[in-house]
Amino acid sequence: MLWFYTRDQNALCIETRYDNQTFEYVGILKHPTGEKETHRFPTAKAFREWLVGIDHRLMAERWLQQGPPHILPDGWPDQTPPR
């Protein structure tokens, strides 16, 4: 999934997916500068905690979510992932 945020003239994106080869949840934060931060998580719980933390941080920094998330056709678990 892709979430888009704006603040002033800047935009950033959060991409979330599941890596079926490594069995990890992946969060990619794409900064307005073009820099990418990739974070990998072994469990859904750890991934969810990261997402909540990013959401709180962006709200505190006054980023505004632009529309609903965009669903990607890939990036979904092929098998039941670990919890």
C-alpha atoms as a PDB file:
ATOM      1  CA  MET A   1       0.000   0.000   0.000  1.00  0.00           C
ATOM      2  CA  LEU A   2       1.047   3.577  -0.582  1.00  0.00           C
ATOM      3  CA  TRP A   3       0.151   6.485   1.684  1.00  0.00           C
ATOM      4  CA  PHE A   4       0.833  10.031   0.506  1.00  0.00           C
ATOM      5  CA  TYR A   5       1.377  13.048   2.750  1.00  0.00           C
ATOM      6  CA  THR A   6       1.944  16.747   2.093  1.00  0.00           C
ATOM      7  CA  ARG A   7       3.150  19.712   4.097  1.00  0.00           C
ATOM      8  CA  ASP A   8       3.591  23.118   2.491  1.00  0.00           C
ATOM      9  CA  GLN A   9       5.140  22.365  -0.929  1.00  0.00           C
ATOM     10  CA  ASN A  10       6.670  19.044   0.183  1.00  0.00           C
ATOM     11  CA  ALA A  11       5.392  15.505  -0.285  1.00  0.00           C
ATOM     12  CA  LEU A  12       6.395  12.186   1.198  1.00  0.00           C
ATOM     13  CA  CYS A  13       5.202   8.641   0.781  1.00  0.00           C
ATOM     14  CA  ILE A  14       5.035   5.551   2.949  1.00  0.00           C
ATOM     15  CA  GLU A  15       5.053   2.222   1.135  1.00  0.00           C
ATOM     16  CA  THR A  16       4.130  -0.943   3.004  1.00  0.00           C
ATOM     17  CA  ARG A  17       4.491  -4.462   1.713  1.00  0.00           C
ATOM     18  CA  TYR A  18       5.354  -8.029   2.648  1.00  0.00           C
ATOM     19  CA  ASP A  19       8.551  -9.697   1.417  1.00  0.00           C
ATOM     20  CA  ASN A  20       7.587 -13.296   0.642  1.00  0.00           C
ATOM     21  CA  GLN A  21      11.218 -14.347   0.194  1.00  0.00           C
ATOM     22  CA  THR A  22      12.431 -13.199   3.607  1.00  0.00           C
ATOM     23  CA  PHE A  23       9.064 -13.460   5.431  1.00  0.00           C
ATOM     24  CA  GLU A  24       9.372  -9.855   6.620  1.00  0.00           C
ATOM     25  CA  TYR A  25       7.065  -6.871   6.682  1.00  0.00           C
ATOM     26  CA  VAL A  26       8.646  -3.879   4.943  1.00  0.00           C
ATOM     27  CA  GLY A  27       8.035  -0.177   5.449  1.00  0.00           C
ATOM     28  CA  ILE A  28       9.643   2.328   3.095  1.00  0.00           C
ATOM     29  CA  LEU A  29       9.559   6.015   3.920  1.00  0.00           C
ATOM     30  CA  LYS A  30      10.256   8.186   0.853  1.00  0.00           C
ATOM     31  CA  HIS A  31      11.322  11.682   1.932  1.00  0.00           C
ATOM     32  CA  PRO A  32      10.771  14.875  -0.081  1.00  0.00           C
ATOM     33  CA  THR A  33      14.529  14.954  -0.758  1.00  0.00           C
ATOM     34  CA  GLY A  34      14.332  11.600  -2.562  1.00  0.00           C
ATOM     35  CA  GLU A  35      16.025   9.757   0.307  1.00  0.00           C
ATOM     36  CA  LYS A  36      14.474   6.384   1.180  1.00  0.00           C
ATOM     37  CA  GLU A  37      14.433   4.689   4.574  1.00  0.00           C
ATOM     38  CA  THR A  38      13.687   0.976   4.505  1.00  0.00           C
ATOM     39  CA  HIS A  39      12.651  -0.822   7.684  1.00  0.00           C
ATOM     40  CA  ARG A  40      12.091  -4.587   7.964  1.00  0.00           C
ATOM     41  CA  PHE A  41      10.095  -6.326  10.682  1.00  0.00           C
ATOM     42  CA  PRO A  42       9.842 -10.022  11.580  1.00  0.00           C
ATOM     43  CA  THR A  43       6.310  -9.773  13.028  1.00  0.00           C
ATOM     44  CA  ALA A  44       3.042  -8.003  12.293  1.00  0.00           C
ATOM     45  CA  LYS A  45       3.099  -6.587  15.829  1.00  0.00           C
ATOM     46  CA  ALA A  46       6.483  -4.906  15.367  1.00  0.00           C
ATOM     47  CA  PHE A  47       5.403  -3.603  11.942  1.00  0.00           C
ATOM     48  CA  ARG A  48       2.153  -2.200  13.339  1.00  0.00           C
ATOM     49  CA  GLU A  49       4.039  -0.462  16.179  1.00  0.00           C
ATOM     50  CA  TRP A  50       6.351   1.190  13.632  1.00  0.00           C
ATOM     51  CA  LEU A  51       3.373   2.344  11.533  1.00  0.00           C
ATOM     52  CA  VAL A  52       1.622   3.851  14.560  1.00  0.00           C
ATOM     53  CA  GLY A  53       4.840   5.621  15.557  1.00  0.00           C
ATOM     54  CA  ILE A  54       5.324   7.044  12.049  1.00  0.00           C
ATOM     55  CA  ASP A  55       1.697   8.198  11.988  1.00  0.00           C
ATOM     56  CA  HIS A  56       2.082  10.004  15.314  1.00  0.00           C
ATOM     57  CA  ARG A  57       5.370  11.574  14.208  1.00  0.00           C
ATOM     58  CA  LEU A  58       3.896  12.838  10.923  1.00  0.00           C
ATOM     59  CA  MET A  59       0.853  14.277  12.697  1.00  0.00           C
ATOM     60  CA  ALA A  60       3.112  16.057  15.217  1.00  0.00           C
ATOM     61  CA  GLU A  61       5.129  17.476  12.303  1.00  0.00           C
ATOM     62  CA  ARG A  62       1.853  18.626  10.675  1.00  0.00           C
ATOM     63  CA  TRP A  63       1.953  16.376   7.617  1.00  0.00           C
ATOM     64  CA  LEU A  64      -1.499  15.850   6.068  1.00  0.00           C
ATOM     65  CA  GLN A  65      -2.540  12.557   4.525  1.00  0.00           C
ATOM     66  CA  GLN A  66      -3.679  13.041   0.940  1.00  0.00           C
ATOM     67  CA  GLY A  67      -6.566  10.731   0.160  1.00  0.00           C
ATOM     68  CA  PRO A  68      -6.941   7.048   0.934  1.00  0.00           C
ATOM     69  CA  PRO A  69      -4.058   4.608   0.605  1.00  0.00           C
ATOM     70  CA  HIS A  70      -3.371   3.153  -2.830  1.00  0.00           C
ATOM     71  CA  ILE A  71      -3.387  -0.628  -2.916  1.00  0.00           C
ATOM     72  CA  LEU A  72      -0.478  -2.223  -4.755  1.00  0.00           C
ATOM     73  CA  PRO A  73      -1.145  -5.364  -6.812  1.00  0.00           C
ATOM     74  CA  ASP A  74       1.902  -7.103  -5.308  1.00  0.00           C
ATOM     75  CA  GLY A  75       3.487  -7.030  -1.877  1.00  0.00           C
ATOM     76  CA  TRP A  76       0.948  -9.305  -0.201  1.00  0.00           C
ATOM     77  CA  PRO A  77       1.788 -12.514   1.684  1.00  0.00           C
ATOM     78  CA  ASP A  78       1.743 -15.686  -0.420  1.00  0.00           C
ATOM     79  CA  GLN A  79       1.396 -17.720   2.777  1.00  0.00           C
ATOM     80  CA  THR A  80       0.279 -16.977   6.306  1.00  0.00           C
ATOM     81  CA  PRO A  81       2.990 -14.721   7.749  1.00  0.00           C
ATOM     82  CA  PRO A  82       4.309 -15.099  11.293  1.00  0.00           C
ATOM     83  CA  ARG A  83       2.617 -13.029  13.959  1.00  0.00           C
END
